[in-house]
Amino acid sequence: MNGQLWEPCPRCKQEPVCADCGYCERHCGCEQARKDRAEINRFQETYPEFLARLSRYSEEQEKET
């Protein structure tokens, strides 16, 4: 949880909440989002351009349907 604000969490009304997302420690997704970004970066270093090619392929498939 990044920083703290003494406001109620929108989901459960617990305090404090994360200064970035506004959710309590239980509902805060900031740390998981940081881990996900790091994993995506490692994947892109290992397999350059793979995600971009996959995205283009997906867009082409959607156009065909």
C-alpha atoms as a PDB file:
ATOM      1  CA  MET A   1       0.000   0.000   0.000  1.00  0.00           C
ATOM      2  CA  ASN A   2       1.469   3.326  -1.084  1.00  0.00           C
ATOM      3  CA  GLY A   3       1.052   6.007   1.555  1.00  0.00           C
ATOM      4  CA  GLN A   4      -2.028   6.270   3.714  1.00  0.00           C
ATOM      5  CA  LEU A   5      -5.108   8.425   3.814  1.00  0.00           C
ATOM      6  CA  TRP A   6      -7.562   8.267   6.687  1.00  0.00           C
ATOM      7  CA  GLU A   7     -10.634   7.838   4.538  1.00  0.00           C
ATOM      8  CA  PRO A   8     -13.009   4.879   4.298  1.00  0.00           C
ATOM      9  CA  CYS A   9     -12.381   2.234   1.665  1.00  0.00           C
ATOM     10  CA  PRO A  10     -15.122   2.353  -1.011  1.00  0.00           C
ATOM     11  CA  ARG A  11     -15.595  -1.424  -0.761  1.00  0.00           C
ATOM     12  CA  CYS A  12     -15.519  -2.142   2.990  1.00  0.00           C
ATOM     13  CA  LYS A  13     -15.286   1.250   4.772  1.00  0.00           C
ATOM     14  CA  GLN A  14     -12.013   0.288   6.549  1.00  0.00           C
ATOM     15  CA  GLU A  15      -9.323   2.904   7.173  1.00  0.00           C
ATOM     16  CA  PRO A  16      -6.619   3.823   6.202  1.00  0.00           C
ATOM     17  CA  VAL A  17      -6.576   3.603   2.424  1.00  0.00           C
ATOM     18  CA  CYS A  18      -3.799   3.679  -0.177  1.00  0.00           C
ATOM     19  CA  ALA A  19      -2.908   7.189  -1.304  1.00  0.00           C
ATOM     20  CA  ASP A  20      -2.694   6.014  -4.943  1.00  0.00           C
ATOM     21  CA  CYS A  21      -5.852   3.954  -5.454  1.00  0.00           C
ATOM     22  CA  GLY A  22      -8.071   4.844  -2.475  1.00  0.00           C
ATOM     23  CA  TYR A  23      -8.620   1.253  -1.280  1.00  0.00           C
ATOM     24  CA  CYS A  24      -7.675  -0.349   2.050  1.00  0.00           C
ATOM     25  CA  GLU A  25      -4.732  -2.739   2.323  1.00  0.00           C
ATOM     26  CA  ARG A  26      -6.988  -5.744   1.677  1.00  0.00           C
ATOM     27  CA  HIS A  27      -8.460  -4.290  -1.533  1.00  0.00           C
ATOM     28  CA  CYS A  28      -5.446  -2.321  -2.810  1.00  0.00           C
ATOM     29  CA  GLY A  29      -4.170  -3.615  -6.141  1.00  0.00           C
ATOM     30  CA  CYS A  30      -1.181  -1.303  -6.525  1.00  0.00           C
ATOM     31  CA  GLU A  31       1.453  -3.851  -5.466  1.00  0.00           C
ATOM     32  CA  GLN A  32       0.029  -6.544  -7.741  1.00  0.00           C
ATOM     33  CA  ALA A  33      -0.107  -4.076 -10.631  1.00  0.00           C
ATOM     34  CA  ARG A  34       3.580  -3.234 -10.035  1.00  0.00           C
ATOM     35  CA  LYS A  35       4.477  -6.949 -10.031  1.00  0.00           C
ATOM     36  CA  ASP A  36       2.457  -7.492 -13.219  1.00  0.00           C
ATOM     37  CA  ARG A  37       4.266  -4.629 -14.997  1.00  0.00           C
ATOM     38  CA  ALA A  38       7.647  -6.045 -13.933  1.00  0.00           C
ATOM     39  CA  GLU A  39       6.706  -9.505 -15.229  1.00  0.00           C
ATOM     40  CA  ILE A  40       5.522  -8.072 -18.551  1.00  0.00           C
ATOM     41  CA  ASN A  41       8.804  -6.155 -18.887  1.00  0.00           C
ATOM     42  CA  ARG A  42      10.843  -9.327 -18.228  1.00  0.00           C
ATOM     43  CA  PHE A  43       8.747 -11.196 -20.811  1.00  0.00           C
ATOM     44  CA  GLN A  44       9.275  -8.451 -23.397  1.00  0.00           C
ATOM     45  CA  GLU A  45      13.036  -8.509 -22.797  1.00  0.00           C
ATOM     46  CA  THR A  46      13.060 -12.275 -23.361  1.00  0.00           C
ATOM     47  CA  TYR A  47      10.665 -12.253 -26.330  1.00  0.00           C
ATOM     48  CA  PRO A  48      10.962  -8.842 -28.032  1.00  0.00           C
ATOM     49  CA  GLU A  49       7.979  -7.785 -30.171  1.00  0.00           C
ATOM     50  CA  PHE A  50       5.975 -10.933 -29.317  1.00  0.00           C
ATOM     51  CA  LEU A  51       3.187  -9.080 -27.505  1.00  0.00           C
ATOM     52  CA  ALA A  52       2.920  -6.504 -30.303  1.00  0.00           C
ATOM     53  CA  ARG A  53       2.608  -9.275 -32.915  1.00  0.00           C
ATOM     54  CA  LEU A  54       0.021 -11.053 -30.778  1.00  0.00           C
ATOM     55  CA  SER A  55      -1.970  -7.851 -30.454  1.00  0.00           C
ATOM     56  CA  ARG A  56      -1.895  -7.251 -34.221  1.00  0.00           C
ATOM     57  CA  TYR A  57      -2.992 -10.847 -34.855  1.00  0.00           C
ATOM     58  CA  SER A  58      -5.872 -10.459 -32.399  1.00  0.00           C
ATOM     59  CA  GLU A  59      -7.015  -7.246 -34.096  1.00  0.00           C
ATOM     60  CA  GLU A  60      -6.915  -8.952 -37.506  1.00  0.00           C
ATOM     61  CA  GLN A  61      -9.007 -11.820 -36.191  1.00  0.00           C
ATOM     62  CA  GLU A  62     -11.614  -9.426 -34.809  1.00  0.00           C
ATOM     63  CA  LYS A  63     -11.879  -7.662 -38.170  1.00  0.00           C
ATOM     64  CA  GLU A  64     -12.575 -10.971 -39.911  1.00  0.00           C
ATOM     65  CA  THR A  65     -15.523 -11.782 -37.663  1.00  0.00           C
END
